[in-house]
N, C-alpha and C. Protein backbone atom coordinates (compact mmCIF):
# COMPACT_ATOMS: atom_id res chain seq x y z
N MET A 1 -20.69 -83.71 -47.73
CA MET A 1 -20.33 -82.87 -46.69
C MET A 1 -19.23 -83.49 -45.76
N THR A 2 -19.23 -84.61 -45.39
CA THR A 2 -18.17 -85.21 -44.63
C THR A 2 -16.84 -85.16 -45.38
N HIS A 3 -16.92 -85.49 -46.59
CA HIS A 3 -15.63 -85.44 -47.45
C HIS A 3 -15.04 -84.02 -47.64
N ASP A 4 -15.95 -83.06 -47.81
CA ASP A 4 -15.36 -81.71 -47.59
C ASP A 4 -14.88 -81.24 -46.34
N LEU A 5 -15.54 -81.61 -45.25
CA LEU A 5 -15.00 -81.33 -43.99
C LEU A 5 -13.67 -82.08 -43.70
N VAL A 6 -13.52 -83.28 -44.06
CA VAL A 6 -12.28 -84.07 -43.96
C VAL A 6 -11.14 -83.36 -44.70
N ALA A 7 -11.42 -82.99 -45.96
CA ALA A 7 -10.50 -82.32 -46.96
C ALA A 7 -10.05 -81.08 -46.29
N THR A 8 -10.99 -80.35 -45.81
CA THR A 8 -10.64 -78.97 -45.16
C THR A 8 -9.78 -79.12 -43.90
N LEU A 9 -10.17 -80.01 -43.09
CA LEU A 9 -9.41 -80.15 -41.78
C LEU A 9 -8.13 -80.96 -41.77
N HIS A 10 -7.95 -81.67 -42.90
CA HIS A 10 -6.77 -82.62 -42.90
C HIS A 10 -5.41 -81.84 -42.67
N PRO A 11 -5.18 -80.76 -43.34
CA PRO A 11 -3.85 -80.10 -43.17
C PRO A 11 -3.76 -79.42 -41.78
N LEU A 12 -4.82 -78.89 -41.24
CA LEU A 12 -4.75 -78.52 -39.87
C LEU A 12 -4.45 -79.60 -38.80
N LEU A 13 -5.12 -80.71 -38.99
CA LEU A 13 -5.00 -81.83 -38.18
C LEU A 13 -3.63 -82.39 -38.24
N THR A 14 -3.00 -82.45 -39.44
CA THR A 14 -1.64 -82.93 -39.45
C THR A 14 -0.68 -81.97 -38.86
N ALA A 15 -0.89 -80.66 -38.97
CA ALA A 15 -0.10 -79.67 -38.23
C ALA A 15 -0.21 -79.77 -36.62
N GLU A 16 -1.44 -79.82 -36.36
CA GLU A 16 -1.67 -79.77 -34.82
C GLU A 16 -1.23 -81.10 -34.19
N ALA A 17 -1.46 -82.24 -34.87
CA ALA A 17 -0.97 -83.59 -34.20
C ALA A 17 0.51 -83.53 -34.28
N SER A 18 1.15 -83.10 -35.26
CA SER A 18 2.62 -83.09 -35.17
C SER A 18 3.25 -82.14 -34.16
N ALA A 19 2.56 -80.99 -33.90
CA ALA A 19 2.91 -80.21 -32.84
C ALA A 19 2.79 -80.81 -31.47
N GLU A 20 1.66 -81.53 -31.16
CA GLU A 20 1.30 -82.10 -29.79
C GLU A 20 1.86 -83.44 -29.52
N ALA A 21 2.11 -84.17 -30.61
CA ALA A 21 2.34 -85.73 -30.40
C ALA A 21 3.56 -85.97 -29.50
N TYR A 22 4.71 -85.46 -29.87
CA TYR A 22 5.96 -85.86 -29.17
C TYR A 22 5.90 -85.45 -27.67
N ALA A 23 5.31 -84.29 -27.40
CA ALA A 23 5.16 -83.82 -25.97
C ALA A 23 4.33 -84.95 -25.34
N SER A 24 3.33 -85.61 -25.86
CA SER A 24 2.41 -86.40 -25.16
C SER A 24 3.06 -87.82 -25.27
N GLY A 25 4.07 -88.06 -25.93
CA GLY A 25 4.62 -89.40 -26.00
C GLY A 25 4.02 -90.37 -26.99
N SER A 26 3.44 -89.74 -28.10
CA SER A 26 2.67 -90.56 -28.95
C SER A 26 3.31 -90.15 -30.44
N GLU A 27 2.81 -90.89 -31.33
CA GLU A 27 3.20 -90.64 -32.78
C GLU A 27 2.14 -89.66 -33.31
N PRO A 28 2.46 -88.82 -34.23
CA PRO A 28 1.49 -87.92 -34.82
C PRO A 28 0.36 -88.59 -35.56
N GLY A 29 0.75 -89.70 -36.21
CA GLY A 29 -0.32 -90.48 -36.96
C GLY A 29 -1.31 -91.06 -35.99
N ASP A 30 -0.90 -91.61 -34.82
CA ASP A 30 -1.76 -92.11 -33.79
C ASP A 30 -2.73 -91.10 -33.23
N LEU A 31 -2.12 -89.85 -33.06
CA LEU A 31 -3.04 -88.77 -32.59
C LEU A 31 -4.07 -88.34 -33.64
N GLU A 32 -3.60 -88.28 -34.86
CA GLU A 32 -4.57 -88.02 -35.82
C GLU A 32 -5.56 -89.02 -36.11
N GLN A 33 -5.24 -90.27 -35.92
CA GLN A 33 -6.34 -91.34 -36.01
C GLN A 33 -7.34 -91.26 -34.92
N ALA A 34 -6.84 -90.87 -33.69
CA ALA A 34 -7.82 -90.80 -32.60
C ALA A 34 -8.73 -89.61 -32.70
N VAL A 35 -8.13 -88.58 -33.24
CA VAL A 35 -9.06 -87.35 -33.51
C VAL A 35 -10.11 -87.59 -34.69
N TRP A 36 -9.60 -88.25 -35.73
CA TRP A 36 -10.56 -88.62 -36.86
C TRP A 36 -11.67 -89.44 -36.22
N LEU A 37 -11.40 -90.36 -35.36
CA LEU A 37 -12.46 -91.15 -34.74
C LEU A 37 -13.35 -90.48 -33.90
N ARG A 38 -12.84 -89.43 -33.10
CA ARG A 38 -13.66 -88.61 -32.35
C ARG A 38 -14.61 -87.74 -33.25
N LEU A 39 -14.01 -87.15 -34.39
CA LEU A 39 -14.89 -86.55 -35.31
C LEU A 39 -16.10 -87.27 -35.88
N LEU A 40 -15.68 -88.53 -36.23
CA LEU A 40 -16.86 -89.46 -36.85
C LEU A 40 -17.89 -89.70 -35.74
N GLU A 41 -17.34 -89.88 -34.55
CA GLU A 41 -18.40 -90.07 -33.41
C GLU A 41 -19.35 -88.85 -33.28
N ARG A 42 -18.64 -87.69 -33.30
CA ARG A 42 -19.23 -86.50 -33.25
C ARG A 42 -20.32 -86.25 -34.28
N LEU A 43 -19.87 -86.48 -35.55
CA LEU A 43 -20.72 -86.32 -36.71
C LEU A 43 -21.92 -87.23 -36.55
N GLU A 44 -21.78 -88.44 -36.11
CA GLU A 44 -22.93 -89.33 -35.95
C GLU A 44 -23.75 -88.93 -34.81
N ALA A 45 -23.35 -88.42 -33.73
CA ALA A 45 -24.13 -88.14 -32.64
C ALA A 45 -24.77 -86.72 -32.70
N ASP A 46 -23.90 -85.65 -33.00
CA ASP A 46 -24.42 -84.39 -32.97
C ASP A 46 -24.30 -83.59 -34.36
N GLY A 47 -23.82 -84.25 -35.38
CA GLY A 47 -23.60 -83.43 -36.63
C GLY A 47 -22.20 -82.75 -36.54
N PRO A 48 -22.00 -82.00 -37.61
CA PRO A 48 -20.72 -81.26 -37.58
C PRO A 48 -20.72 -80.11 -36.57
N PRO A 49 -19.51 -79.89 -36.08
CA PRO A 49 -19.23 -78.86 -34.97
C PRO A 49 -19.51 -77.47 -35.63
N PRO A 50 -20.01 -76.51 -34.99
CA PRO A 50 -20.30 -75.27 -35.43
C PRO A 50 -18.93 -74.51 -35.97
N ASP A 51 -17.84 -74.70 -35.18
CA ASP A 51 -16.53 -74.15 -35.54
C ASP A 51 -15.63 -75.35 -35.72
N PRO A 52 -15.53 -75.94 -36.85
CA PRO A 52 -14.68 -77.13 -37.04
C PRO A 52 -13.24 -77.06 -36.65
N GLN A 53 -12.50 -75.83 -37.09
CA GLN A 53 -11.22 -75.61 -36.75
C GLN A 53 -11.03 -75.61 -35.23
N GLY A 54 -11.79 -74.84 -34.52
CA GLY A 54 -11.70 -74.70 -33.08
C GLY A 54 -11.94 -76.09 -32.37
N TRP A 55 -12.98 -76.78 -32.89
CA TRP A 55 -13.26 -78.16 -32.24
C TRP A 55 -11.97 -79.08 -32.47
N LEU A 56 -11.39 -78.98 -33.75
CA LEU A 56 -10.31 -79.84 -33.97
C LEU A 56 -9.14 -79.54 -33.18
N ARG A 57 -8.81 -78.30 -32.85
CA ARG A 57 -7.65 -77.90 -31.96
C ARG A 57 -7.96 -78.50 -30.60
N LYS A 58 -9.10 -78.34 -30.11
CA LYS A 58 -9.51 -78.67 -28.67
C LYS A 58 -9.41 -80.20 -28.73
N ALA A 59 -9.79 -80.97 -29.78
CA ALA A 59 -9.86 -82.34 -29.78
C ALA A 59 -8.43 -82.89 -29.67
N VAL A 60 -7.47 -82.27 -30.44
CA VAL A 60 -6.04 -82.75 -30.58
C VAL A 60 -5.48 -82.53 -29.11
N ARG A 61 -5.75 -81.42 -28.52
CA ARG A 61 -5.16 -81.27 -27.26
C ARG A 61 -5.69 -82.25 -26.13
N ALA A 62 -7.01 -82.40 -26.30
CA ALA A 62 -7.66 -83.39 -25.30
C ALA A 62 -7.05 -84.93 -25.66
N GLU A 63 -6.93 -85.31 -26.73
CA GLU A 63 -6.33 -86.55 -27.03
C GLU A 63 -4.86 -86.62 -26.54
N ALA A 64 -4.07 -85.54 -26.79
CA ALA A 64 -2.75 -85.42 -26.26
C ALA A 64 -2.69 -85.61 -24.75
N ARG A 65 -3.52 -84.90 -24.03
CA ARG A 65 -3.66 -85.10 -22.56
C ARG A 65 -3.95 -86.42 -22.16
N ARG A 66 -4.94 -87.05 -22.90
CA ARG A 66 -5.37 -88.47 -22.59
C ARG A 66 -4.10 -89.46 -22.74
N THR A 67 -3.41 -89.16 -23.78
CA THR A 67 -2.24 -89.97 -24.12
C THR A 67 -1.22 -89.88 -23.04
N ARG A 68 -0.92 -88.62 -22.64
CA ARG A 68 0.03 -88.40 -21.54
C ARG A 68 -0.44 -89.04 -20.18
N ARG A 69 -1.70 -88.90 -19.84
CA ARG A 69 -2.20 -89.62 -18.69
C ARG A 69 -2.01 -91.15 -18.75
N THR A 70 -2.27 -91.77 -19.91
CA THR A 70 -2.23 -93.07 -20.08
C THR A 70 -0.73 -93.65 -20.05
N THR A 71 0.11 -92.83 -20.65
CA THR A 71 1.59 -93.18 -20.67
C THR A 71 2.06 -93.13 -19.24
N ARG A 72 1.71 -92.16 -18.45
CA ARG A 72 2.11 -92.09 -17.08
C ARG A 72 1.75 -93.33 -16.34
N LEU A 73 0.63 -93.79 -16.58
CA LEU A 73 0.15 -94.98 -15.89
C LEU A 73 0.65 -96.30 -16.29
N GLU A 74 1.18 -96.37 -17.49
CA GLU A 74 1.75 -97.65 -18.02
C GLU A 74 3.02 -97.99 -17.36
N ARG A 75 3.14 -99.32 -17.24
CA ARG A 75 4.39 -99.91 -16.49
C ARG A 75 5.12 -100.78 -17.65
N PRO A 76 6.25 -100.55 -17.92
CA PRO A 76 6.88 -101.54 -18.86
C PRO A 76 7.08 -102.85 -18.22
N TYR A 77 7.07 -103.95 -19.06
CA TYR A 77 7.38 -105.22 -18.65
C TYR A 77 8.85 -105.38 -18.29
N GLY A 78 9.21 -106.14 -17.36
CA GLY A 78 10.61 -106.43 -16.94
C GLY A 78 11.27 -107.30 -18.01
N ILE A 79 10.42 -108.08 -18.63
CA ILE A 79 10.91 -108.99 -19.69
C ILE A 79 9.85 -108.93 -20.86
N GLU A 80 10.21 -109.54 -21.99
CA GLU A 80 9.33 -109.49 -23.07
C GLU A 80 8.03 -110.40 -22.69
N PRO A 81 6.86 -109.93 -22.94
CA PRO A 81 5.62 -110.70 -22.55
C PRO A 81 5.60 -112.08 -23.10
N ALA A 82 6.27 -112.37 -24.25
CA ALA A 82 6.34 -113.73 -24.80
C ALA A 82 7.27 -114.66 -24.04
N ASP A 83 8.23 -114.03 -23.45
CA ASP A 83 9.17 -114.93 -22.66
C ASP A 83 8.53 -115.44 -21.43
N ASP A 84 8.89 -116.62 -21.10
CA ASP A 84 8.53 -117.35 -19.85
C ASP A 84 9.03 -116.55 -18.69
N ILE A 85 8.29 -116.53 -17.69
CA ILE A 85 8.68 -115.83 -16.47
C ILE A 85 9.88 -116.53 -15.82
N ARG A 86 9.82 -117.85 -15.96
CA ARG A 86 11.03 -118.76 -15.44
C ARG A 86 11.70 -119.30 -16.69
N PRO A 87 12.48 -118.60 -17.43
CA PRO A 87 13.09 -119.07 -18.64
C PRO A 87 14.03 -120.36 -18.37
N GLY A 88 13.66 -121.38 -19.10
CA GLY A 88 14.56 -122.56 -19.12
C GLY A 88 15.57 -122.50 -20.08
N PRO A 89 16.33 -123.58 -20.24
CA PRO A 89 17.40 -123.65 -21.31
C PRO A 89 16.83 -123.30 -22.77
N GLU A 90 15.69 -123.81 -23.04
CA GLU A 90 15.11 -123.71 -24.42
C GLU A 90 14.79 -122.21 -24.63
N GLN A 91 14.14 -121.56 -23.57
CA GLN A 91 13.88 -120.16 -23.85
C GLN A 91 15.13 -119.26 -23.88
N ARG A 92 16.04 -119.64 -23.20
CA ARG A 92 17.19 -118.72 -23.20
C ARG A 92 17.94 -119.02 -24.57
N ALA A 93 17.90 -120.24 -25.11
CA ALA A 93 18.57 -120.47 -26.45
C ALA A 93 17.75 -119.65 -27.49
N LEU A 94 16.42 -119.64 -27.35
CA LEU A 94 15.63 -118.94 -28.37
C LEU A 94 15.75 -117.46 -28.31
N THR A 95 15.89 -116.93 -27.11
CA THR A 95 16.24 -115.48 -26.83
C THR A 95 17.64 -115.16 -27.49
N ALA A 96 18.61 -115.96 -27.19
CA ALA A 96 19.97 -115.73 -27.74
C ALA A 96 20.03 -115.84 -29.18
N ALA A 97 19.24 -116.73 -29.77
CA ALA A 97 19.05 -116.77 -31.31
C ALA A 97 18.51 -115.57 -31.82
N ARG A 98 17.44 -114.99 -31.17
CA ARG A 98 16.63 -113.82 -31.64
C ARG A 98 17.62 -112.61 -31.64
N TYR A 99 18.47 -112.47 -30.51
CA TYR A 99 19.44 -111.31 -30.44
C TYR A 99 20.57 -111.50 -31.50
N ARG A 100 21.00 -112.78 -31.72
CA ARG A 100 22.09 -113.05 -32.67
C ARG A 100 21.56 -112.57 -34.05
N ALA A 101 20.34 -112.99 -34.37
CA ALA A 101 19.67 -112.64 -35.73
C ALA A 101 19.63 -111.04 -35.81
N LEU A 102 19.31 -110.41 -34.78
CA LEU A 102 19.27 -108.97 -34.81
C LEU A 102 20.63 -108.29 -34.98
N ARG A 103 21.56 -108.79 -34.23
CA ARG A 103 22.98 -108.32 -34.42
C ARG A 103 23.51 -108.53 -35.84
N ASP A 104 23.21 -109.74 -36.30
CA ASP A 104 23.77 -110.12 -37.74
C ASP A 104 22.96 -109.07 -38.67
N ALA A 105 21.70 -108.92 -38.51
CA ALA A 105 21.04 -107.97 -39.43
C ALA A 105 21.57 -106.53 -39.40
N VAL A 106 21.95 -106.13 -38.22
CA VAL A 106 22.54 -104.78 -38.06
C VAL A 106 23.78 -104.66 -38.77
N ARG A 107 24.56 -105.68 -38.70
CA ARG A 107 25.94 -105.71 -39.39
C ARG A 107 25.72 -105.71 -40.94
N ARG A 108 24.72 -106.23 -41.41
CA ARG A 108 24.40 -106.24 -42.89
C ARG A 108 23.78 -105.02 -43.42
N LEU A 109 23.49 -104.00 -42.65
CA LEU A 109 22.88 -102.78 -42.99
C LEU A 109 23.77 -102.00 -43.91
N PRO A 110 23.26 -101.22 -44.79
CA PRO A 110 24.16 -100.49 -45.68
C PRO A 110 24.71 -99.23 -45.07
N GLY A 111 25.82 -98.75 -45.67
CA GLY A 111 26.35 -97.39 -45.30
C GLY A 111 26.75 -97.27 -43.85
N ARG A 112 26.27 -96.11 -43.28
CA ARG A 112 26.73 -95.96 -41.88
C ARG A 112 25.58 -96.49 -40.87
N CYS A 113 24.68 -97.11 -41.37
CA CYS A 113 23.55 -97.65 -40.50
C CYS A 113 24.04 -98.55 -39.42
N PRO A 114 24.96 -99.41 -39.67
CA PRO A 114 25.46 -100.45 -38.60
C PRO A 114 26.03 -99.42 -37.34
N ARG A 115 26.87 -98.42 -37.83
CA ARG A 115 27.45 -97.63 -36.66
C ARG A 115 26.27 -96.81 -35.89
N LEU A 116 25.31 -96.37 -36.74
CA LEU A 116 24.18 -95.54 -36.14
C LEU A 116 23.35 -96.50 -35.14
N MET A 117 22.98 -97.65 -35.69
CA MET A 117 22.33 -98.55 -34.76
C MET A 117 23.00 -98.96 -33.60
N GLU A 118 24.36 -99.27 -33.62
CA GLU A 118 25.16 -99.57 -32.45
C GLU A 118 25.15 -98.31 -31.44
N ALA A 119 25.26 -97.14 -32.07
CA ALA A 119 25.28 -96.07 -31.10
C ALA A 119 24.01 -95.80 -30.49
N LEU A 120 22.89 -96.01 -31.17
CA LEU A 120 21.56 -95.92 -30.52
C LEU A 120 21.34 -96.99 -29.48
N LEU A 121 21.74 -98.20 -29.76
CA LEU A 121 21.64 -99.25 -28.83
C LEU A 121 22.58 -99.35 -27.74
N SER A 122 23.63 -98.51 -27.72
CA SER A 122 24.74 -98.56 -26.89
C SER A 122 24.30 -98.43 -25.41
N PRO A 123 24.98 -99.25 -24.57
CA PRO A 123 24.49 -99.09 -23.12
C PRO A 123 25.08 -97.80 -22.53
N GLN A 124 25.81 -96.99 -23.28
CA GLN A 124 26.19 -95.70 -22.72
C GLN A 124 25.16 -94.65 -22.81
N ASP A 125 24.01 -94.95 -23.37
CA ASP A 125 22.86 -94.14 -23.72
C ASP A 125 23.20 -92.73 -24.06
N MET A 126 23.89 -92.74 -25.24
CA MET A 126 24.33 -91.40 -25.86
C MET A 126 23.26 -90.53 -26.26
N THR A 127 23.39 -89.30 -26.23
CA THR A 127 22.51 -88.29 -26.75
C THR A 127 22.53 -88.20 -28.13
N TYR A 128 21.61 -87.47 -28.84
CA TYR A 128 21.70 -87.32 -30.39
C TYR A 128 22.86 -86.57 -30.70
N ARG A 129 23.21 -85.61 -29.85
CA ARG A 129 24.32 -84.72 -30.21
C ARG A 129 25.63 -85.51 -30.16
N GLU A 130 25.78 -86.33 -29.19
CA GLU A 130 26.98 -87.24 -29.00
C GLU A 130 27.05 -88.29 -30.13
N ILE A 131 25.93 -88.81 -30.59
CA ILE A 131 25.87 -89.77 -31.63
C ILE A 131 26.27 -89.02 -33.02
N ALA A 132 25.71 -87.87 -33.26
CA ALA A 132 25.90 -87.09 -34.45
C ALA A 132 27.46 -86.80 -34.62
N GLY A 133 28.03 -86.38 -33.42
CA GLY A 133 29.40 -86.11 -33.43
C GLY A 133 30.23 -87.24 -33.62
N GLU A 134 29.88 -88.34 -33.05
CA GLU A 134 30.63 -89.56 -33.33
C GLU A 134 30.53 -90.04 -34.83
N LEU A 135 29.48 -89.88 -35.42
CA LEU A 135 29.25 -90.35 -36.85
C LEU A 135 29.57 -89.30 -37.80
N GLY A 136 29.84 -88.10 -37.31
CA GLY A 136 30.31 -87.02 -38.21
C GLY A 136 29.17 -86.49 -39.14
N ILE A 137 27.97 -86.52 -38.57
CA ILE A 137 26.73 -86.04 -39.40
C ILE A 137 25.95 -84.98 -38.42
N SER A 138 25.14 -84.06 -39.13
CA SER A 138 24.49 -83.09 -38.34
C SER A 138 23.36 -83.77 -37.53
N GLN A 139 23.10 -83.19 -36.34
CA GLN A 139 22.02 -83.72 -35.41
C GLN A 139 20.69 -83.73 -36.09
N GLY A 140 20.40 -82.72 -36.92
CA GLY A 140 19.09 -82.75 -37.65
C GLY A 140 18.98 -83.91 -38.52
N SER A 141 20.01 -84.42 -39.16
CA SER A 141 19.80 -85.49 -40.09
C SER A 141 19.80 -86.85 -39.41
N LEU A 142 19.94 -86.86 -38.08
CA LEU A 142 20.00 -88.16 -37.33
C LEU A 142 18.70 -88.85 -37.48
N GLY A 143 17.59 -88.10 -37.18
CA GLY A 143 16.21 -88.74 -37.13
C GLY A 143 15.91 -89.47 -38.56
N PRO A 144 15.91 -88.64 -39.58
CA PRO A 144 15.71 -89.23 -40.92
C PRO A 144 16.60 -90.46 -41.26
N GLU A 145 17.82 -90.32 -40.92
CA GLU A 145 18.80 -91.42 -41.15
C GLU A 145 18.49 -92.67 -40.27
N ARG A 146 18.01 -92.47 -38.98
CA ARG A 146 17.55 -93.53 -38.24
C ARG A 146 16.34 -94.13 -38.81
N SER A 147 15.34 -93.37 -39.28
CA SER A 147 14.27 -93.99 -39.95
C SER A 147 14.52 -94.77 -41.11
N ARG A 148 15.50 -94.30 -41.97
CA ARG A 148 15.88 -95.02 -43.14
C ARG A 148 16.55 -96.34 -42.63
N CYS A 149 17.36 -96.28 -41.74
CA CYS A 149 18.13 -97.55 -41.17
C CYS A 149 17.08 -98.49 -40.64
N LEU A 150 16.14 -98.05 -39.84
CA LEU A 150 15.18 -98.98 -39.30
C LEU A 150 14.37 -99.57 -40.32
N GLY A 151 14.00 -98.78 -41.40
CA GLY A 151 13.34 -99.46 -42.57
C GLY A 151 14.04 -100.59 -43.20
N CYS A 152 15.38 -100.36 -43.44
CA CYS A 152 16.22 -101.34 -43.95
C CYS A 152 16.30 -102.56 -43.03
N LEU A 153 16.46 -102.31 -41.72
CA LEU A 153 16.50 -103.41 -40.72
C LEU A 153 15.22 -104.23 -40.76
N ARG A 154 14.02 -103.54 -40.85
CA ARG A 154 12.79 -104.22 -40.95
C ARG A 154 12.73 -105.16 -42.16
N ARG A 155 13.25 -104.72 -43.30
CA ARG A 155 13.18 -105.53 -44.55
C ARG A 155 14.15 -106.70 -44.36
N LEU A 156 15.31 -106.48 -43.73
CA LEU A 156 16.24 -107.57 -43.54
C LEU A 156 15.68 -108.55 -42.52
N LEU A 157 14.92 -108.12 -41.54
CA LEU A 157 14.46 -109.25 -40.55
C LEU A 157 13.17 -109.77 -40.96
N ALA A 158 12.42 -109.23 -42.03
CA ALA A 158 11.11 -109.78 -42.42
C ALA A 158 11.17 -111.24 -42.77
N PRO A 159 12.22 -111.70 -43.45
CA PRO A 159 12.18 -113.18 -43.68
C PRO A 159 12.40 -114.00 -42.47
N GLU A 160 13.23 -113.49 -41.59
CA GLU A 160 13.53 -114.17 -40.32
C GLU A 160 12.10 -114.27 -39.43
N VAL A 161 11.40 -113.19 -39.40
CA VAL A 161 10.20 -113.22 -38.58
C VAL A 161 9.12 -114.10 -39.37
N ALA A 162 9.12 -114.07 -40.64
CA ALA A 162 8.16 -115.00 -41.34
C ALA A 162 8.48 -116.41 -41.19
N SER A 163 9.80 -116.76 -41.21
CA SER A 163 10.13 -118.17 -40.99
C SER A 163 9.75 -118.62 -39.62
N ARG A 164 9.96 -117.75 -38.60
CA ARG A 164 9.62 -118.10 -37.30
C ARG A 164 8.24 -118.42 -37.04
N GLU A 165 7.36 -117.49 -37.82
CA GLU A 165 5.90 -117.65 -37.70
C GLU A 165 5.48 -119.02 -38.31
N VAL A 166 6.09 -119.37 -39.39
CA VAL A 166 5.73 -120.65 -39.99
C VAL A 166 6.15 -121.79 -39.10
N ARG A 167 7.35 -121.79 -38.44
CA ARG A 167 7.78 -122.77 -37.56
C ARG A 167 6.90 -122.87 -36.27
N GLY A 168 6.44 -121.66 -35.78
CA GLY A 168 5.88 -121.55 -34.48
C GLY A 168 4.38 -121.82 -34.54
């Protein structure tokens, strides 16, 4: 029963979460996961809802609202949490080394990834339209290109992160 319900609701949940996630400031996968959890809690407490599709739509919207409220209340750190509040010379040297490793990895990225990452990280805070114009690509391909470049960057930095964990 549960497997059939999950199989039936999965495409609808994917579509609803994709539609609601970005407006709520979350990722579609995070929203989906929260709704699956609510469904499991519901199944354990009260059994399956009488109208599963209607319940799912309401649950997605409720989770999106909760995420928006949470996001509004969150305050970003002024510095990275791992950084000392009063950074000494050692901490400044470690931070500079971390930024150097990031800049070096960005330069080693393939294709137009280095230019894209530099534009995204630019202090000019360029819009996607401006970045697309500067790189000579369509605005619609910017998101997938950014995803691919971030994946490459993640793979390049993985050995650096692993060696730091071994040392630390």
